[in-house]
Amino acid sequence: MFGNVYLTVHKEKKTLYALKTVTRHKIEKYKIQENIQLERSILLQLDHTLILELVKTFKDSKRIYLLTEYVKGMDLLDVLR
């Protein structure tokens, strides 16, 4: 809801990933700093076939990034609607 997700590909391995980006402006505006930290912390601890694997997180001066495995299909929110 607060970020954008992009389909990305590893140049050498040709592996697909989902890259979630959240702008620092939105994080501050909606006061979701703790939510982002909690999401990262939980995903790093989990190892289950039904839950996306968090590959890596990183940041720059404008955004926070969460790189996850790519799972082909629909967004859960779209399925629920």
PDB file of N, CA and C in Angstrom:
ATOM      1  N   MET A   1       0.820  -1.195   0.000  1.00  0.00           N
ATOM      2  CA  MET A   1       0.000   0.000   0.000  1.00  0.00           C
ATOM      3  C   MET A   1       0.865   1.260   0.000  1.00  0.00           C
ATOM      4  N   PHE A   2       2.007   1.205   0.665  1.00  0.00           N
ATOM      5  CA  PHE A   2       2.847   2.396   0.775  1.00  0.00           C
ATOM      6  C   PHE A   2       3.995   2.414  -0.221  1.00  0.00           C
ATOM      7  N   GLY A   3       4.237   1.292  -0.877  1.00  0.00           N
ATOM      8  CA  GLY A   3       5.388   1.226  -1.762  1.00  0.00           C
ATOM      9  C   GLY A   3       5.021   0.739  -3.140  1.00  0.00           C
ATOM     10  N   ASN A   4       6.047   0.626  -3.955  1.00  0.00           N
ATOM     11  CA  ASN A   4       5.912   0.086  -5.302  1.00  0.00           C
ATOM     12  C   ASN A   4       6.744  -1.181  -5.389  1.00  0.00           C
ATOM     13  N   VAL A   5       6.288  -2.131  -6.195  1.00  0.00           N
ATOM     14  CA  VAL A   5       7.023  -3.373  -6.374  1.00  0.00           C
ATOM     15  C   VAL A   5       7.368  -3.510  -7.854  1.00  0.00           C
ATOM     16  N   TYR A   6       8.640  -3.816  -8.108  1.00  0.00           N
ATOM     17  CA  TYR A   6       9.136  -3.948  -9.468  1.00  0.00           C
ATOM     18  C   TYR A   6       9.694  -5.345  -9.679  1.00  0.00           C
ATOM     19  N   LEU A   7       9.470  -5.880 -10.858  1.00  0.00           N
ATOM     20  CA  LEU A   7      10.062  -7.152 -11.236  1.00  0.00           C
ATOM     21  C   LEU A   7      11.476  -6.859 -11.714  1.00  0.00           C
ATOM     22  N   THR A   8      12.458  -7.520 -11.109  1.00  0.00           N
ATOM     23  CA  THR A   8      13.854  -7.305 -11.468  1.00  0.00           C
ATOM     24  C   THR A   8      14.492  -8.648 -11.816  1.00  0.00           C
ATOM     25  N   VAL A   9      15.628  -8.585 -12.490  1.00  0.00           N
ATOM     26  CA  VAL A   9      16.316  -9.805 -12.889  1.00  0.00           C
ATOM     27  C   VAL A   9      17.811  -9.670 -12.588  1.00  0.00           C
ATOM     28  N   HIS A  10      18.389 -10.734 -12.060  1.00  0.00           N
ATOM     29  CA  HIS A  10      19.830 -10.782 -11.822  1.00  0.00           C
ATOM     30  C   HIS A  10      20.509 -10.919 -13.180  1.00  0.00           C
ATOM     31  N   LYS A  11      21.472 -10.062 -13.472  1.00  0.00           N
ATOM     32  CA  LYS A  11      22.074 -10.023 -14.807  1.00  0.00           C
ATOM     33  C   LYS A  11      22.750 -11.324 -15.204  1.00  0.00           C
ATOM     34  N   GLU A  12      23.538 -11.902 -14.300  1.00  0.00           N
ATOM     35  CA  GLU A  12      24.259 -13.122 -14.668  1.00  0.00           C
ATOM     36  C   GLU A  12      23.410 -14.377 -14.516  1.00  0.00           C
ATOM     37  N   LYS A  13      22.717 -14.503 -13.395  1.00  0.00           N
ATOM     38  CA  LYS A  13      21.959 -15.728 -13.102  1.00  0.00           C
ATOM     39  C   LYS A  13      20.611 -15.785 -13.798  1.00  0.00           C
ATOM     40  N   LYS A  14      20.114 -14.627 -14.258  1.00  0.00           N
ATOM     41  CA  LYS A  14      18.786 -14.523 -14.892  1.00  0.00           C
ATOM     42  C   LYS A  14      17.651 -14.912 -13.933  1.00  0.00           C
ATOM     43  N   THR A  15      17.909 -14.782 -12.632  1.00  0.00           N
ATOM     44  CA  THR A  15      16.899 -15.070 -11.613  1.00  0.00           C
ATOM     45  C   THR A  15      15.991 -13.864 -11.441  1.00  0.00           C
ATOM     46  N   LEU A  16      14.675 -14.105 -11.348  1.00  0.00           N
ATOM     47  CA  LEU A  16      13.718 -13.028 -11.148  1.00  0.00           C
ATOM     48  C   LEU A  16      13.541 -12.744  -9.659  1.00  0.00           C
ATOM     49  N   TYR A  17      13.403 -11.462  -9.330  1.00  0.00           N
ATOM     50  CA  TYR A  17      13.159 -11.005  -7.963  1.00  0.00           C
ATOM     51  C   TYR A  17      12.078  -9.935  -7.976  1.00  0.00           C
ATOM     52  N   ALA A  18      11.462  -9.731  -6.834  1.00  0.00           N
ATOM     53  CA  ALA A  18      10.535  -8.611  -6.647  1.00  0.00           C
ATOM     54  C   ALA A  18      11.244  -7.586  -5.770  1.00  0.00           C
ATOM     55  N   LEU A  19      11.282  -6.351  -6.221  1.00  0.00           N
ATOM     56  CA  LEU A  19      11.937  -5.286  -5.482  1.00  0.00           C
ATOM     57  C   LEU A  19      10.875  -4.309  -4.982  1.00  0.00           C
ATOM     58  N   LYS A  20      10.676  -4.282  -3.682  1.00  0.00           N
ATOM     59  CA  LYS A  20       9.707  -3.370  -3.068  1.00  0.00           C
ATOM     60  C   LYS A  20      10.453  -2.115  -2.652  1.00  0.00           C
ATOM     61  N   THR A  21       9.922  -0.964  -3.055  1.00  0.00           N
ATOM     62  CA  THR A  21      10.526   0.318  -2.684  1.00  0.00           C
ATOM     63  C   THR A  21       9.511   1.153  -1.911  1.00  0.00           C
ATOM     64  N   VAL A  22       9.998   1.807  -0.882  1.00  0.00           N
ATOM     65  CA  VAL A  22       9.158   2.719  -0.105  1.00  0.00           C
ATOM     66  C   VAL A  22       9.947   4.009   0.067  1.00  0.00           C
ATOM     67  N   THR A  23       9.346   5.130  -0.293  1.00  0.00           N
ATOM     68  CA  THR A  23      10.057   6.400  -0.171  1.00  0.00           C
ATOM     69  C   THR A  23      10.135   6.816   1.298  1.00  0.00           C
ATOM     70  N   ARG A  24      11.230   7.450   1.644  1.00  0.00           N
ATOM     71  CA  ARG A  24      11.411   7.934   3.012  1.00  0.00           C
ATOM     72  C   ARG A  24      10.345   8.976   3.360  1.00  0.00           C
ATOM     73  N   HIS A  25       9.907   9.722   2.345  1.00  0.00           N
ATOM     74  CA  HIS A  25       8.851  10.714   2.561  1.00  0.00           C
ATOM     75  C   HIS A  25       7.564  10.048   3.061  1.00  0.00           C
ATOM     76  N   LYS A  26       7.159   8.945   2.428  1.00  0.00           N
ATOM     77  CA  LYS A  26       5.944   8.242   2.854  1.00  0.00           C
ATOM     78  C   LYS A  26       6.136   7.611   4.230  1.00  0.00           C
ATOM     79  N   ILE A  27       7.315   7.099   4.492  1.00  0.00           N
ATOM     80  CA  ILE A  27       7.592   6.495   5.797  1.00  0.00           C
ATOM     81  C   ILE A  27       7.404   7.535   6.897  1.00  0.00           C
ATOM     82  N   GLU A  28       7.923   8.719   6.677  1.00  0.00           N
ATOM     83  CA  GLU A  28       7.785   9.787   7.669  1.00  0.00           C
ATOM     84  C   GLU A  28       6.355  10.326   7.722  1.00  0.00           C
ATOM     85  N   LYS A  29       5.741  10.520   6.554  1.00  0.00           N
ATOM     86  CA  LYS A  29       4.387  11.085   6.478  1.00  0.00           C
ATOM     87  C   LYS A  29       3.367  10.217   7.215  1.00  0.00           C
ATOM     88  N   TYR A  30       3.449   8.893   7.014  1.00  0.00           N
ATOM     89  CA  TYR A  30       2.477   7.980   7.608  1.00  0.00           C
ATOM     90  C   TYR A  30       2.974   7.321   8.899  1.00  0.00           C
ATOM     91  N   LYS A  31       4.165   7.741   9.339  1.00  0.00           N
ATOM     92  CA  LYS A  31       4.741   7.248  10.598  1.00  0.00           C
ATOM     93  C   LYS A  31       4.776   5.713  10.636  1.00  0.00           C
ATOM     94  N   ILE A  32       5.394   5.131   9.613  1.00  0.00           N
ATOM     95  CA  ILE A  32       5.441   3.666   9.514  1.00  0.00           C
ATOM     96  C   ILE A  32       6.865   3.122   9.690  1.00  0.00           C
ATOM     97  N   GLN A  33       7.729   3.894  10.361  1.00  0.00           N
ATOM     98  CA  GLN A  33       9.100   3.451  10.579  1.00  0.00           C
ATOM     99  C   GLN A  33       9.139   2.097  11.280  1.00  0.00           C
ATOM    100  N   GLU A  34       8.369   1.950  12.338  1.00  0.00           N
ATOM    101  CA  GLU A  34       8.360   0.691  13.092  1.00  0.00           C
ATOM    102  C   GLU A  34       7.796  -0.452  12.245  1.00  0.00           C
ATOM    103  N   ASN A  35       6.802  -0.164  11.423  1.00  0.00           N
ATOM    104  CA  ASN A  35       6.213  -1.200  10.565  1.00  0.00           C
ATOM    105  C   ASN A  35       7.258  -1.751   9.590  1.00  0.00           C
ATOM    106  N   ILE A  36       8.039  -0.868   8.988  1.00  0.00           N
ATOM    107  CA  ILE A  36       9.068  -1.286   8.035  1.00  0.00           C
ATOM    108  C   ILE A  36      10.137  -2.120   8.745  1.00  0.00           C
ATOM    109  N   GLN A  37      10.566  -1.665   9.908  1.00  0.00           N
ATOM    110  CA  GLN A  37      11.575  -2.403  10.678  1.00  0.00           C
ATOM    111  C   GLN A  37      11.050  -3.770  11.095  1.00  0.00           C
ATOM    112  N   LEU A  38       9.796  -3.829  11.511  1.00  0.00           N
ATOM    113  CA  LEU A  38       9.190  -5.091  11.927  1.00  0.00           C
ATOM    114  C   LEU A  38       9.043  -6.048  10.737  1.00  0.00           C
ATOM    115  N   GLU A  39       8.614  -5.526   9.597  1.00  0.00           N
ATOM    116  CA  GLU A  39       8.494  -6.356   8.392  1.00  0.00           C
ATOM    117  C   GLU A  39       9.844  -6.978   8.045  1.00  0.00           C
ATOM    118  N   ARG A  40      10.878  -6.170   8.053  1.00  0.00           N
ATOM    119  CA  ARG A  40      12.229  -6.663   7.739  1.00  0.00           C
ATOM    120  C   ARG A  40      12.671  -7.719   8.748  1.00  0.00           C
ATOM    121  N   SER A  41      12.489  -7.422  10.009  1.00  0.00           N
ATOM    122  CA  SER A  41      12.917  -8.331  11.073  1.00  0.00           C
ATOM    123  C   SER A  41      12.211  -9.682  10.988  1.00  0.00           C
ATOM    124  N   ILE A  42      10.910  -9.654  10.770  1.00  0.00           N
ATOM    125  CA  ILE A  42      10.126 -10.897  10.691  1.00  0.00           C
ATOM    126  C   ILE A  42      10.524 -11.704   9.461  1.00  0.00           C
ATOM    127  N   LEU A  43      10.619 -11.048   8.308  1.00  0.00           N
ATOM    128  CA  LEU A  43      10.953 -11.765   7.084  1.00  0.00           C
ATOM    129  C   LEU A  43      12.350 -12.386   7.137  1.00  0.00           C
ATOM    130  N   LEU A  44      13.284 -11.721   7.819  1.00  0.00           N
ATOM    131  CA  LEU A  44      14.634 -12.282   7.944  1.00  0.00           C
ATOM    132  C   LEU A  44      14.656 -13.532   8.816  1.00  0.00           C
ATOM    133  N   GLN A  45      13.710 -13.658   9.726  1.00  0.00           N
ATOM    134  CA  GLN A  45      13.661 -14.802  10.636  1.00  0.00           C
ATOM    135  C   GLN A  45      12.923 -16.002  10.044  1.00  0.00           C
ATOM    136  N   LEU A  46      12.061 -15.764   9.069  1.00  0.00           N
ATOM    137  CA  LEU A  46      11.211 -16.825   8.547  1.00  0.00           C
ATOM    138  C   LEU A  46      11.892 -17.634   7.452  1.00  0.00           C
ATOM    139  N   ASP A  47      11.597 -18.915   7.454  1.00  0.00           N
ATOM    140  CA  ASP A  47      12.057 -19.803   6.391  1.00  0.00           C
ATOM    141  C   ASP A  47      10.958 -20.834   6.165  1.00  0.00           C
ATOM    142  N   HIS A  48      10.015 -20.490   5.277  1.00  0.00           N
ATOM    143  CA  HIS A  48       8.860 -21.344   5.039  1.00  0.00           C
ATOM    144  C   HIS A  48       8.494 -21.271   3.560  1.00  0.00           C
ATOM    145  N   THR A  49       8.080 -22.373   3.000  1.00  0.00           N
ATOM    146  CA  THR A  49       7.765 -22.419   1.574  1.00  0.00           C
ATOM    147  C   THR A  49       6.577 -21.554   1.174  1.00  0.00           C
ATOM    148  N   LEU A  50       5.703 -21.230   2.112  1.00  0.00           N
ATOM    149  CA  LEU A  50       4.515 -20.426   1.783  1.00  0.00           C
ATOM    150  C   LEU A  50       4.705 -18.935   2.057  1.00  0.00           C
ATOM    151  N   ILE A  51       5.902 -18.537   2.470  1.00  0.00           N
ATOM    152  CA  ILE A  51       6.179 -17.133   2.776  1.00  0.00           C
ATOM    153  C   ILE A  51       7.364 -16.679   1.933  1.00  0.00           C
ATOM    154  N   LEU A  52       7.223 -15.508   1.316  1.00  0.00           N
ATOM    155  CA  LEU A  52       8.298 -14.964   0.487  1.00  0.00           C
ATOM    156  C   LEU A  52       9.611 -14.902   1.259  1.00  0.00           C
ATOM    157  N   GLU A  53      10.682 -15.251   0.576  1.00  0.00           N
ATOM    158  CA  GLU A  53      12.007 -15.143   1.193  1.00  0.00           C
ATOM    159  C   GLU A  53      12.551 -13.740   0.950  1.00  0.00           C
ATOM    160  N   LEU A  54      12.964 -13.088   2.021  1.00  0.00           N
ATOM    161  CA  LEU A  54      13.620 -11.791   1.907  1.00  0.00           C
ATOM    162  C   LEU A  54      15.081 -12.054   1.587  1.00  0.00           C
ATOM    163  N   VAL A  55      15.530 -11.584   0.443  1.00  0.00           N
ATOM    164  CA  VAL A  55      16.893 -11.830  -0.013  1.00  0.00           C
ATOM    165  C   VAL A  55      17.850 -10.803   0.564  1.00  0.00           C
ATOM    166  N   LYS A  56      17.455  -9.527   0.505  1.00  0.00           N
ATOM    167  CA  LYS A  56      18.348  -8.459   0.942  1.00  0.00           C
ATOM    168  C   LYS A  56      17.551  -7.170   1.130  1.00  0.00           C
ATOM    169  N   THR A  57      18.040  -6.329   2.009  1.00  0.00           N
ATOM    170  CA  THR A  57      17.471  -4.983   2.159  1.00  0.00           C
ATOM    171  C   THR A  57      18.594  -3.980   1.979  1.00  0.00           C
ATOM    172  N   PHE A  58      18.242  -2.820   1.464  1.00  0.00           N
ATOM    173  CA  PHE A  58      19.212  -1.745   1.347  1.00  0.00           C
ATOM    174  C   PHE A  58      18.461  -0.434   1.270  1.00  0.00           C
ATOM    175  N   LYS A  59      19.210   0.660   1.318  1.00  0.00           N
ATOM    176  CA  LYS A  59      18.583   1.985   1.336  1.00  0.00           C
ATOM    177  C   LYS A  59      19.498   2.986   0.655  1.00  0.00           C
ATOM    178  N   ASP A  60      18.896   4.095   0.248  1.00  0.00           N
ATOM    179  CA  ASP A  60      19.656   5.237  -0.224  1.00  0.00           C
ATOM    180  C   ASP A  60      19.034   6.480   0.400  1.00  0.00           C
ATOM    181  N   SER A  61      19.376   7.625  -0.084  1.00  0.00           N
ATOM    182  CA  SER A  61      18.889   8.854   0.551  1.00  0.00           C
ATOM    183  C   SER A  61      17.395   9.094   0.341  1.00  0.00           C
ATOM    184  N   LYS A  62      16.781   8.423  -0.634  1.00  0.00           N
ATOM    185  CA  LYS A  62      15.362   8.662  -0.941  1.00  0.00           C
ATOM    186  C   LYS A  62      14.441   7.492  -0.618  1.00  0.00           C
ATOM    187  N   ARG A  63      14.966   6.257  -0.628  1.00  0.00           N
ATOM    188  CA  ARG A  63      14.094   5.087  -0.504  1.00  0.00           C
ATOM    189  C   ARG A  63      14.699   3.986   0.353  1.00  0.00           C
ATOM    190  N   ILE A  64      13.787   3.101   0.801  1.00  0.00           N
ATOM    191  CA  ILE A  64      14.143   1.844   1.446  1.00  0.00           C
ATOM    192  C   ILE A  64      13.775   0.748   0.444  1.00  0.00           C
ATOM    193  N   TYR A  65      14.611  -0.276   0.324  1.00  0.00           N
ATOM    194  CA  TYR A  65      14.382  -1.344  -0.644  1.00  0.00           C
ATOM    195  C   TYR A  65      14.350  -2.697   0.062  1.00  0.00           C
ATOM    196  N   LEU A  66      13.411  -3.548  -0.335  1.00  0.00           N
ATOM    197  CA  LEU A  66      13.359  -4.927   0.140  1.00  0.00           C
ATOM    198  C   LEU A  66      13.337  -5.823  -1.095  1.00  0.00           C
ATOM    199  N   LEU A  67      14.369  -6.635  -1.261  1.00  0.00           N
ATOM    200  CA  LEU A  67      14.472  -7.543  -2.383  1.00  0.00           C
ATOM    201  C   LEU A  67      13.999  -8.918  -1.936  1.00  0.00           C
ATOM    202  N   THR A  68      12.951  -9.423  -2.577  1.00  0.00           N
ATOM    203  CA  THR A  68      12.392 -10.722  -2.204  1.00  0.00           C
ATOM    204  C   THR A  68      12.380 -11.638  -3.411  1.00  0.00           C
ATOM    205  N   GLU A  69      12.206 -12.916  -3.130  1.00  0.00           N
ATOM    206  CA  GLU A  69      12.049 -13.857  -4.237  1.00  0.00           C
ATOM    207  C   GLU A  69      10.788 -13.471  -5.007  1.00  0.00           C
ATOM    208  N   TYR A  70      10.765 -13.813  -6.284  1.00  0.00           N
ATOM    209  CA  TYR A  70       9.607 -13.533  -7.119  1.00  0.00           C
ATOM    210  C   TYR A  70       8.697 -14.753  -7.147  1.00  0.00           C
ATOM    211  N   VAL A  71       7.436 -14.526  -6.879  1.00  0.00           N
ATOM    212  CA  VAL A  71       6.440 -15.590  -6.958  1.00  0.00           C
ATOM    213  C   VAL A  71       5.394 -15.143  -7.972  1.00  0.00           C
ATOM    214  N   LYS A  72       5.265 -15.909  -9.039  1.00  0.00           N
ATOM    215  CA  LYS A  72       4.317 -15.557 -10.099  1.00  0.00           C
ATOM    216  C   LYS A  72       2.898 -15.773  -9.603  1.00  0.00           C
ATOM    217  N   GLY A  73       2.056 -14.801  -9.848  1.00  0.00           N
ATOM    218  CA  GLY A  73       0.661 -14.906  -9.434  1.00  0.00           C
ATOM    219  C   GLY A  73       0.098 -13.522  -9.176  1.00  0.00           C
ATOM    220  N   MET A  74      -1.011 -13.498  -8.490  1.00  0.00           N
ATOM    221  CA  MET A  74      -1.689 -12.238  -8.214  1.00  0.00           C
ATOM    222  C   MET A  74      -1.334 -11.742  -6.828  1.00  0.00           C
ATOM    223  N   ASP A  75      -1.467 -10.455  -6.634  1.00  0.00           N
ATOM    224  CA  ASP A  75      -1.305  -9.838  -5.333  1.00  0.00           C
ATOM    225  C   ASP A  75      -2.417 -10.337  -4.422  1.00  0.00           C
ATOM    226  N   LEU A  76      -2.124 -10.630  -3.171  1.00  0.00           N
ATOM    227  CA  LEU A  76      -3.110 -11.163  -2.240  1.00  0.00           C
ATOM    228  C   LEU A  76      -4.313 -10.221  -2.099  1.00  0.00           C
ATOM    229  N   LEU A  77      -4.065  -8.928  -2.067  1.00  0.00           N
ATOM    230  CA  LEU A  77      -5.160  -7.979  -1.941  1.00  0.00           C
ATOM    231  C   LEU A  77      -6.097  -8.064  -3.143  1.00  0.00           C
ATOM    232  N   ASP A  78      -5.554  -8.231  -4.342  1.00  0.00           N
ATOM    233  CA  ASP A  78      -6.387  -8.384  -5.542  1.00  0.00           C
ATOM    234  C   ASP A  78      -7.191  -9.676  -5.490  1.00  0.00           C
ATOM    235  N   VAL A  79      -6.593 -10.738  -5.009  1.00  0.00           N
ATOM    236  CA  VAL A  79      -7.301 -12.021  -4.891  1.00  0.00           C
ATOM    237  C   VAL A  79      -8.459 -11.890  -3.911  1.00  0.00           C
ATOM    238  N   LEU A  80      -8.235 -11.227  -2.799  1.00  0.00           N
ATOM    239  CA  LEU A  80      -9.284 -11.069  -1.782  1.00  0.00           C
ATOM    240  C   LEU A  80     -10.451 -10.224  -2.286  1.00  0.00           C
ATOM    241  N   ARG A  81     -10.168  -9.255  -3.111  1.00  0.00           N
ATOM    242  CA  ARG A  81     -11.241  -8.395  -3.656  1.00  0.00           C
ATOM    243  C   ARG A  81     -12.110  -9.204  -4.581  1.00  0.00           C
TER     244      ARG A  81
END
